C-alpha atoms as a PDB file:
ATOM      1  CA  MET A   1     -12.448 -23.375 -16.428  1.00  0.00           C
ATOM      2  CA  ALA A   2     -15.112 -25.469 -18.029  1.00  0.00           C
ATOM      3  CA  GLY A   3     -14.329 -27.198 -21.312  1.00  0.00           C
ATOM      4  CA  HIS A   4     -17.136 -25.447 -23.154  1.00  0.00           C
ATOM      5  CA  SER A   5     -16.007 -22.011 -21.979  1.00  0.00           C
ATOM      6  CA  LYS A   6     -12.226 -22.250 -21.713  1.00  0.00           C
ATOM      7  CA  TRP A   7     -11.467 -20.678 -25.096  1.00  0.00           C
ATOM      8  CA  ALA A   8     -14.034 -17.929 -24.536  1.00  0.00           C
ATOM      9  CA  ASN A   9     -12.497 -17.154 -21.156  1.00  0.00           C
ATOM     10  CA  ILE A  10      -8.993 -17.045 -22.645  1.00  0.00           C
ATOM     11  CA  GLN A  11     -10.162 -14.657 -25.374  1.00  0.00           C
ATOM     12  CA  HIS A  12     -11.952 -12.491 -22.802  1.00  0.00           C
ATOM     13  CA  ARG A  13      -8.791 -12.217 -20.732  1.00  0.00           C
ATOM     14  CA  LYS A  14      -6.633 -11.411 -23.762  1.00  0.00           C
ATOM     15  CA  GLY A  15      -9.148  -8.789 -24.841  1.00  0.00           C
ATOM     16  CA  ARG A  16      -8.961  -7.118 -21.463  1.00  0.00           C
ATOM     17  CA  GLN A  17      -5.165  -7.175 -21.605  1.00  0.00           C
ATOM     18  CA  ASP A  18      -5.219  -5.469 -25.002  1.00  0.00           C
ATOM     19  CA  GLU A  19      -7.500  -2.770 -23.599  1.00  0.00           C
ATOM     20  CA  LYS A  20      -5.072  -1.982 -20.799  1.00  0.00           C
ATOM     21  CA  ARG A  21      -1.710  -2.571 -22.481  1.00  0.00           C
ATOM     22  CA  GLY A  22       0.013   0.145 -20.427  1.00  0.00           C
ATOM     23  CA  LYS A  23      -0.915  -1.634 -17.203  1.00  0.00           C
ATOM     24  CA  VAL A  24       0.143  -5.002 -18.643  1.00  0.00           C
ATOM     25  CA  TRP A  25       3.549  -3.532 -19.536  1.00  0.00           C
ATOM     26  CA  THR A  26       3.923  -2.177 -16.015  1.00  0.00           C
ATOM     27  CA  ARG A  27       3.285  -5.624 -14.543  1.00  0.00           C
ATOM     28  CA  ILE A  28       5.713  -7.285 -16.937  1.00  0.00           C
ATOM     29  CA  ILE A  29       8.414  -4.712 -16.149  1.00  0.00           C
ATOM     30  CA  ARG A  30       7.981  -5.489 -12.449  1.00  0.00           C
ATOM     31  CA  GLU A  31       8.341  -9.192 -13.166  1.00  0.00           C
ATOM     32  CA  ILE A  32      11.457  -8.612 -15.303  1.00  0.00           C
ATOM     33  CA  THR A  33      12.935  -6.427 -12.562  1.00  0.00           C
ATOM     34  CA  VAL A  34      12.341  -8.937  -9.766  1.00  0.00           C
ATOM     35  CA  ALA A  35      13.449 -11.909 -11.884  1.00  0.00           C
ATOM     36  CA  ALA A  36      16.646 -10.181 -13.019  1.00  0.00           C
ATOM     37  CA  ARG A  37      17.561  -9.020  -9.526  1.00  0.00           C
ATOM     38  CA  ALA A  38      16.936 -12.458  -8.068  1.00  0.00           C
ATOM     39  CA  GLY A  39      18.582 -14.589 -10.748  1.00  0.00           C
ATOM     40  CA  GLY A  40      20.803 -12.264 -12.778  1.00  0.00           C
ATOM     41  CA  GLY A  41      20.595 -11.130 -16.385  1.00  0.00           C
ATOM     42  CA  ASP A  42      21.907 -14.331 -18.019  1.00  0.00           C
ATOM     43  CA  LEU A  43      18.879 -15.835 -19.783  1.00  0.00           C
ATOM     44  CA  GLY A  44      20.564 -19.225 -19.940  1.00  0.00           C
ATOM     45  CA  MET A  45      20.696 -19.384 -16.155  1.00  0.00           C
ATOM     46  CA  ASN A  46      17.430 -17.608 -15.310  1.00  0.00           C
ATOM     47  CA  PRO A  47      14.260 -19.402 -16.491  1.00  0.00           C
ATOM     48  CA  ARG A  48      12.002 -16.952 -14.663  1.00  0.00           C
ATOM     49  CA  LEU A  49      13.533 -14.066 -16.606  1.00  0.00           C
ATOM     50  CA  ARG A  50      13.222 -15.981 -19.883  1.00  0.00           C
ATOM     51  CA  LEU A  51       9.509 -16.461 -19.270  1.00  0.00           C
ATOM     52  CA  ALA A  52       9.052 -12.801 -18.343  1.00  0.00           C
ATOM     53  CA  ILE A  53      10.763 -11.735 -21.581  1.00  0.00           C
ATOM     54  CA  GLU A  54       8.502 -14.061 -23.584  1.00  0.00           C
ATOM     55  CA  ARG A  55       5.508 -12.376 -21.979  1.00  0.00           C
ATOM     56  CA  ALA A  56       6.985  -8.967 -22.795  1.00  0.00           C
ATOM     57  CA  LYS A  57       7.440  -9.904 -26.456  1.00  0.00           C
ATOM     58  CA  ALA A  58       3.909 -11.324 -26.616  1.00  0.00           C
ATOM     59  CA  ALA A  59       2.673  -7.962 -25.298  1.00  0.00           C
ATOM     60  CA  ASN A  60       4.645  -6.187 -28.061  1.00  0.00           C
ATOM     61  CA  MET A  61       7.063  -4.495 -25.678  1.00  0.00           C
ATOM     62  CA  PRO A  62      10.021  -3.003 -27.604  1.00  0.00           C
ATOM     63  CA  ALA A  63      13.311  -4.900 -27.272  1.00  0.00           C
ATOM     64  CA  ASP A  64      15.191  -1.807 -26.125  1.00  0.00           C
ATOM     65  CA  ARG A  65      12.747  -1.310 -23.267  1.00  0.00           C
ATOM     66  CA  ILE A  66      13.151  -4.942 -22.200  1.00  0.00           C
ATOM     67  CA  LYS A  67      16.957  -4.590 -22.269  1.00  0.00           C
ATOM     68  CA  TYR A  68      16.837  -1.295 -20.368  1.00  0.00           C
ATOM     69  CA  ASN A  69      14.871  -2.843 -17.516  1.00  0.00           C
ATOM     70  CA  ILE A  70      17.156  -5.897 -17.308  1.00  0.00           C
ATOM     71  CA  ASP A  71      20.230  -3.651 -17.250  1.00  0.00           C
ATOM     72  CA  LYS A  72      18.635  -1.413 -14.644  1.00  0.00           C
ATOM     73  CA  ALA A  73      17.741  -4.367 -12.419  1.00  0.00           C
ATOM     74  CA  THR A  74      21.157  -6.034 -12.650  1.00  0.00           C
ATOM     75  CA  GLY A  75      23.219  -2.852 -12.458  1.00  0.00           C
ATOM     76  CA  ASN A  76      22.386  -2.225  -8.816  1.00  0.00           C
ATOM     77  CA  GLN A  77      20.974   1.180  -9.688  1.00  0.00           C
ATOM     78  CA  GLU A  78      18.773   2.966  -7.210  1.00  0.00           C
ATOM     79  CA  GLY A  79      15.117   2.239  -7.776  1.00  0.00           C
ATOM     80  CA  VAL A  80      11.924   0.911  -6.305  1.00  0.00           C
ATOM     81  CA  SER A  81      12.252  -2.352  -4.365  1.00  0.00           C
ATOM     82  CA  TYR A  82       9.301  -4.687  -4.886  1.00  0.00           C
ATOM     83  CA  GLU A  83       8.073  -7.297  -2.432  1.00  0.00           C
ATOM     84  CA  GLU A  84       6.145 -10.348  -3.638  1.00  0.00           C
ATOM     85  CA  ILE A  85       3.039 -11.122  -1.566  1.00  0.00           C
ATOM     86  CA  ARG A  86       0.301 -13.709  -2.160  1.00  0.00           C
ATOM     87  CA  TYR A  87      -3.255 -13.158  -0.926  1.00  0.00           C
ATOM     88  CA  GLU A  88      -6.028 -15.737  -0.795  1.00  0.00           C
ATOM     89  CA  GLY A  89      -9.757 -15.355  -0.555  1.00  0.00           C
ATOM     90  CA  TYR A  90     -13.237 -16.373  -1.571  1.00  0.00           C
ATOM     91  CA  GLY A  91     -15.420 -15.016  -4.340  1.00  0.00           C
ATOM     92  CA  ILE A  92     -19.058 -15.499  -5.228  1.00  0.00           C
ATOM     93  CA  GLY A  93     -20.502 -18.892  -4.304  1.00  0.00           C
ATOM     94  CA  GLY A  94     -17.402 -19.791  -2.308  1.00  0.00           C
ATOM     95  CA  ALA A  95     -15.134 -19.802  -5.380  1.00  0.00           C
ATOM     96  CA  ALA A  96     -11.438 -19.793  -4.459  1.00  0.00           C
ATOM     97  CA  ILE A  97      -9.199 -16.892  -5.502  1.00  0.00           C
ATOM     98  CA  ILE A  98      -5.433 -16.402  -5.293  1.00  0.00           C
ATOM     99  CA  LEU A  99      -3.763 -13.055  -5.977  1.00  0.00           C
ATOM    100  CA  ASP A 100      -0.049 -12.679  -6.644  1.00  0.00           C
ATOM    101  CA  THR A 101       1.112  -9.122  -6.062  1.00  0.00           C
ATOM    102  CA  MET A 102       4.314  -7.082  -6.283  1.00  0.00           C
ATOM    103  CA  THR A 103       4.348  -3.996  -4.137  1.00  0.00           C
ATOM    104  CA  ASP A 104       6.549  -1.319  -2.645  1.00  0.00           C
ATOM    105  CA  ASN A 105       3.954  -0.725   0.099  1.00  0.00           C
ATOM    106  CA  ARG A 106       2.289  -3.802   1.607  1.00  0.00           C
ATOM    107  CA  VAL A 107      -0.029  -1.709   3.826  1.00  0.00           C
ATOM    108  CA  ARG A 108      -1.507  -0.020   0.772  1.00  0.00           C
ATOM    109  CA  THR A 109      -1.803  -3.270  -1.151  1.00  0.00           C
ATOM    110  CA  VAL A 110      -3.563  -5.299   1.529  1.00  0.00           C
ATOM    111  CA  ALA A 111      -6.004  -2.431   2.130  1.00  0.00           C
ATOM    112  CA  GLU A 112      -6.862  -2.238  -1.585  1.00  0.00           C
ATOM    113  CA  VAL A 113      -7.254  -6.014  -1.895  1.00  0.00           C
ATOM    114  CA  ARG A 114      -9.445  -6.257   1.215  1.00  0.00           C
ATOM    115  CA  HIS A 115     -11.626  -3.367   0.029  1.00  0.00           C
ATOM    116  CA  ALA A 116     -12.089  -4.939  -3.426  1.00  0.00           C
ATOM    117  CA  PHE A 117     -13.122  -8.280  -1.906  1.00  0.00           C
ATOM    118  CA  SER A 118     -15.576  -6.788   0.583  1.00  0.00           C
ATOM    119  CA  LYS A 119     -17.146  -4.284  -1.834  1.00  0.00           C
ATOM    120  CA  HIS A 120     -17.844  -6.895  -4.504  1.00  0.00           C
ATOM    121  CA  GLY A 121     -19.146  -9.814  -2.478  1.00  0.00           C
ATOM    122  CA  GLY A 122     -15.958 -11.709  -1.640  1.00  0.00           C
ATOM    123  CA  ASN A 123     -13.956 -12.322   1.516  1.00  0.00           C
ATOM    124  CA  MET A 124     -10.248 -12.199   2.289  1.00  0.00           C
ATOM    125  CA  GLY A 125      -8.882 -15.493   3.565  1.00  0.00           C
ATOM    126  CA  THR A 126      -5.847 -16.443   5.596  1.00  0.00           C
ATOM    127  CA  GLU A 127      -2.617 -17.848   4.171  1.00  0.00           C
ATOM    128  CA  GLY A 128      -3.240 -21.380   2.931  1.00  0.00           C
ATOM    129  CA  SER A 129      -7.024 -21.095   3.086  1.00  0.00           C
ATOM    130  CA  VAL A 130      -7.521 -21.877  -0.620  1.00  0.00           C
ATOM    131  CA  ALA A 131      -4.034 -22.637  -2.002  1.00  0.00           C
ATOM    132  CA  PHE A 132      -4.531 -26.381  -1.463  1.00  0.00           C
ATOM    133  CA  GLN A 133      -7.212 -26.261  -4.190  1.00  0.00           C
ATOM    134  CA  PHE A 134      -4.619 -25.281  -6.817  1.00  0.00           C
ATOM    135  CA  LYS A 135      -1.628 -26.969  -8.427  1.00  0.00           C
ATOM    136  CA  HIS A 136       1.551 -25.018  -9.210  1.00  0.00           C
ATOM    137  CA  CYS A 137       2.445 -26.229 -12.697  1.00  0.00           C
ATOM    138  CA  GLY A 138       3.285 -25.371 -16.275  1.00  0.00           C
ATOM    139  CA  GLN A 139       0.308 -24.991 -18.612  1.00  0.00           C
ATOM    140  CA  LEU A 140       0.181 -24.754 -22.404  1.00  0.00           C
ATOM    141  CA  ILE A 141      -3.105 -24.004 -24.172  1.00  0.00           C
ATOM    142  CA  TYR A 142      -3.675 -24.866 -27.843  1.00  0.00           C
ATOM    143  CA  ALA A 143      -6.467 -23.367 -29.913  1.00  0.00           C
ATOM    144  CA  PRO A 144      -9.405 -25.377 -31.250  1.00  0.00           C
ATOM    145  CA  GLY A 145      -8.403 -27.170 -34.443  1.00  0.00           C
ATOM    146  CA  THR A 146      -4.950 -28.181 -33.209  1.00  0.00           C
ATOM    147  CA  SER A 147      -4.167 -31.869 -33.687  1.00  0.00           C
ATOM    148  CA  GLU A 148      -4.802 -33.606 -30.375  1.00  0.00           C
ATOM    149  CA  ASP A 149      -2.855 -36.698 -31.438  1.00  0.00           C
ATOM    150  CA  GLN A 150       0.225 -34.688 -32.397  1.00  0.00           C
ATOM    151  CA  VAL A 151       0.159 -32.589 -29.224  1.00  0.00           C
ATOM    152  CA  MET A 152      -0.239 -35.703 -27.086  1.00  0.00           C
ATOM    153  CA  GLU A 153       2.563 -37.597 -28.830  1.00  0.00           C
ATOM    154  CA  VAL A 154       5.102 -34.770 -28.648  1.00  0.00           C
ATOM    155  CA  ALA A 155       4.143 -33.515 -25.179  1.00  0.00           C
ATOM    156  CA  LEU A 156       4.172 -36.863 -23.423  1.00  0.00           C
ATOM    157  CA  GLU A 157       7.424 -37.860 -25.121  1.00  0.00           C
ATOM    158  CA  ALA A 158       8.976 -34.620 -23.840  1.00  0.00           C
ATOM    159  CA  GLY A 159       7.856 -35.295 -20.274  1.00  0.00           C
ATOM    160  CA  ALA A 160       4.442 -33.637 -19.880  1.00  0.00           C
ATOM    161  CA  GLU A 161       2.315 -34.875 -16.988  1.00  0.00           C
ATOM    162  CA  ASP A 162      -1.021 -34.769 -18.802  1.00  0.00           C
ATOM    163  CA  VAL A 163      -2.777 -33.707 -22.012  1.00  0.00           C
ATOM    164  CA  ILE A 164      -6.448 -32.754 -21.701  1.00  0.00           C
ATOM    165  CA  ALA A 165      -8.879 -32.287 -24.605  1.00  0.00           C
ATOM    166  CA  HIS A 166     -11.714 -29.922 -23.694  1.00  0.00           C
ATOM    167  CA  GLY A 167     -15.221 -29.842 -25.090  1.00  0.00           C
ATOM    168  CA  ASP A 168     -14.676 -26.682 -27.139  1.00  0.00           C
ATOM    169  CA  GLY A 169     -11.638 -28.159 -28.921  1.00  0.00           C
ATOM    170  CA  VAL A 170      -9.028 -26.550 -26.687  1.00  0.00           C
ATOM    171  CA  ILE A 171      -6.079 -28.808 -25.822  1.00  0.00           C
ATOM    172  CA  GLU A 172      -4.351 -28.271 -22.487  1.00  0.00           C
ATOM    173  CA  VAL A 173      -0.892 -29.595 -21.639  1.00  0.00           C
ATOM    174  CA  ILE A 174       0.133 -29.829 -17.983  1.00  0.00           C
ATOM    175  CA  THR A 175       3.789 -30.080 -16.939  1.00  0.00           C
ATOM    176  CA  ALA A 176       5.878 -30.050 -13.803  1.00  0.00           C
ATOM    177  CA  ILE A 177       7.566 -26.674 -13.282  1.00  0.00           C
ATOM    178  CA  ALA A 178      10.994 -28.178 -13.973  1.00  0.00           C
ATOM    179  CA  ASP A 179       9.830 -29.670 -17.296  1.00  0.00           C
ATOM    180  CA  PHE A 180       7.853 -26.685 -18.607  1.00  0.00           C
ATOM    181  CA  GLU A 181      10.521 -25.223 -20.884  1.00  0.00           C
ATOM    182  CA  VAL A 182      11.581 -28.606 -22.266  1.00  0.00           C
ATOM    183  CA  VAL A 183       8.000 -29.544 -23.166  1.00  0.00           C
ATOM    184  CA  LYS A 184       7.242 -26.110 -24.629  1.00  0.00           C
ATOM    185  CA  SER A 185      10.411 -26.199 -26.724  1.00  0.00           C
ATOM    186  CA  ALA A 186       9.608 -29.680 -28.063  1.00  0.00           C
ATOM    187  CA  LEU A 187       6.134 -28.553 -29.149  1.00  0.00           C
ATOM    188  CA  ASP A 188       7.431 -25.283 -30.621  1.00  0.00           C
ATOM    189  CA  THR A 189      10.022 -27.213 -32.640  1.00  0.00           C
ATOM    190  CA  VAL A 190       7.339 -29.170 -34.516  1.00  0.00           C
ATOM    191  CA  GLY A 191       5.270 -26.044 -35.163  1.00  0.00           C
ATOM    192  CA  LEU A 192       2.823 -26.430 -32.279  1.00  0.00           C
ATOM    193  CA  VAL A 193       2.896 -22.919 -30.844  1.00  0.00           C
ATOM    194  CA  ALA A 194       0.696 -22.457 -27.786  1.00  0.00           C
ATOM    195  CA  ALA A 195      -1.928 -19.717 -27.631  1.00  0.00           C
ATOM    196  CA  GLU A 196      -0.958 -19.415 -23.988  1.00  0.00           C
ATOM    197  CA  ALA A 197       2.111 -20.790 -22.189  1.00  0.00           C
ATOM    198  CA  VAL A 198       2.447 -19.991 -18.497  1.00  0.00           C
ATOM    199  CA  VAL A 199       3.618 -21.189 -15.143  1.00  0.00           C
ATOM    200  CA  THR A 200       0.404 -20.959 -13.178  1.00  0.00           C
ATOM    201  CA  MET A 201      -1.736 -22.003 -10.237  1.00  0.00           C
ATOM    202  CA  ARG A 202      -4.213 -24.393 -11.867  1.00  0.00           C
ATOM    203  CA  ALA A 203      -7.548 -24.982 -10.139  1.00  0.00           C
ATOM    204  CA  GLU A 204      -8.061 -28.610  -9.060  1.00  0.00           C
ATOM    205  CA  ASN A 205     -11.695 -28.300  -7.904  1.00  0.00           C
ATOM    206  CA  PRO A 206     -13.708 -26.061 -10.257  1.00  0.00           C
ATOM    207  CA  ILE A 207     -16.963 -24.489  -9.090  1.00  0.00           C
ATOM    208  CA  GLU A 208     -19.610 -23.759 -11.726  1.00  0.00           C
ATOM    209  CA  LEU A 209     -21.301 -20.357 -11.579  1.00  0.00           C
ATOM    210  CA  ALA A 210     -24.069 -19.177 -13.903  1.00  0.00           C
ATOM    211  CA  GLY A 211     -26.416 -16.250 -14.378  1.00  0.00           C
ATOM    212  CA  GLU A 212     -26.218 -13.470 -11.812  1.00  0.00           C
ATOM    213  CA  GLU A 213     -23.550 -15.272  -9.782  1.00  0.00           C
ATOM    214  CA  ALA A 214     -21.305 -15.561 -12.832  1.00  0.00           C
ATOM    215  CA  LEU A 215     -21.722 -11.862 -13.616  1.00  0.00           C
ATOM    216  CA  ARG A 216     -20.908 -10.869 -10.027  1.00  0.00           C
ATOM    217  CA  MET A 217     -17.858 -13.142 -10.005  1.00  0.00           C
ATOM    218  CA  GLN A 218     -16.581 -11.687 -13.276  1.00  0.00           C
ATOM    219  CA  LYS A 219     -16.996  -8.185 -11.865  1.00  0.00           C
ATOM    220  CA  LEU A 220     -14.995  -9.125  -8.745  1.00  0.00           C
ATOM    221  CA  LEU A 221     -12.239 -10.680 -10.876  1.00  0.00           C
ATOM    222  CA  ASP A 222     -12.104  -7.623 -13.143  1.00  0.00           C
ATOM    223  CA  VAL A 223     -11.785  -5.281 -10.148  1.00  0.00           C
ATOM    224  CA  LEU A 224      -9.023  -7.400  -8.605  1.00  0.00           C
ATOM    225  CA  GLU A 225      -7.124  -7.586 -11.902  1.00  0.00           C
ATOM    226  CA  ASP A 226      -7.311  -3.800 -12.231  1.00  0.00           C
ATOM    227  CA  LEU A 227      -5.533  -3.185  -8.912  1.00  0.00           C
ATOM    228  CA  ASP A 228      -2.131  -1.670  -9.665  1.00  0.00           C
ATOM    229  CA  ASP A 229      -0.175  -4.054  -7.427  1.00  0.00           C
ATOM    230  CA  VAL A 230      -1.837  -7.270  -8.627  1.00  0.00           C
ATOM    231  CA  GLN A 231       0.291  -9.312 -11.028  1.00  0.00           C
ATOM    232  CA  GLU A 232      -1.863 -12.434 -11.453  1.00  0.00           C
ATOM    233  CA  VAL A 233      -5.348 -13.577 -10.474  1.00  0.00           C
ATOM    234  CA  TYR A 234      -6.087 -17.315 -10.219  1.00  0.00           C
ATOM    235  CA  HIS A 235      -9.512 -18.770  -9.479  1.00  0.00           C
ATOM    236  CA  ASN A 236     -11.531 -21.972  -9.717  1.00  0.00           C
ATOM    237  CA  ALA A 237     -14.791 -20.537 -11.048  1.00  0.00           C
ATOM    238  CA  GLU A 238     -16.321 -21.948 -14.207  1.00  0.00           C
ATOM    239  CA  LEU A 239     -18.222 -18.980 -15.621  1.00  0.00           C
END
C-alpha cells in the first residue's frame, strides 16, 4: 500500500472487521482449530497457534471460547475437517490478488471465488501466477507518531530485515518468518506495541489505482473478504 494511504487502509480494514465481528470470530476459530490439530495445544511449541490466539484476543474473543476450541481440536473429537487452499488471480488494472481459504468443501469454495472474480471485473489465475509478486514474511505496523529511531534501533538489533518509514508517519517492520516472534517480543518489551502484527504475504510490486478503478478494486476486495471460506486477502493495489 502507498505510504500516504497505508494508515487509512489499515483503519478501513479494521473498521470492516468490527462491523462483521461474528465472521471474524469464525475465521479465527478455524485458524485455531487447524493450528492446534497440526501442531498440538502447547503454545510453547506451536507458534502458529500462539499467533492465532493473539488475533483472537485482539478481536475480543472470550478466553473460555478460545480454550474450548483448542481442547476440541486437540481432543480428537468429531468435527468438521478443514482443508487449506490458496487461490490466485487478477483484479482491476491487473492488480495481483492472493486468497487463503479454509474449507470443508473445495468445490463450493472454488465456485464462489471464481464467481466473485468474474462478476466484479477480476480473473482467476493458475497456481503461481501472482505469488512471485509477494514475499512471505512477518510484518509489524506502528501508528503515526511512533519514534522511528527507537523502532529501528530495537527492531534491527533483534534481527528484523528492514524498517520502512512511510509518508503518512506509519512505520513498517519486516522480518523473516523465523524471527517474527523474537522481533515482536523485543519491541513489545520496550513499550512499542504494534497496531498490526501479522505473518503475511507482502506485495513487492505495488500497482497504483485511482478514481473509478480504485472504487471497483475496493468493491472486488470487499466481496472476496466477505466469502465465508476466505481467511485472508492479499493484494498489491495502492488505492
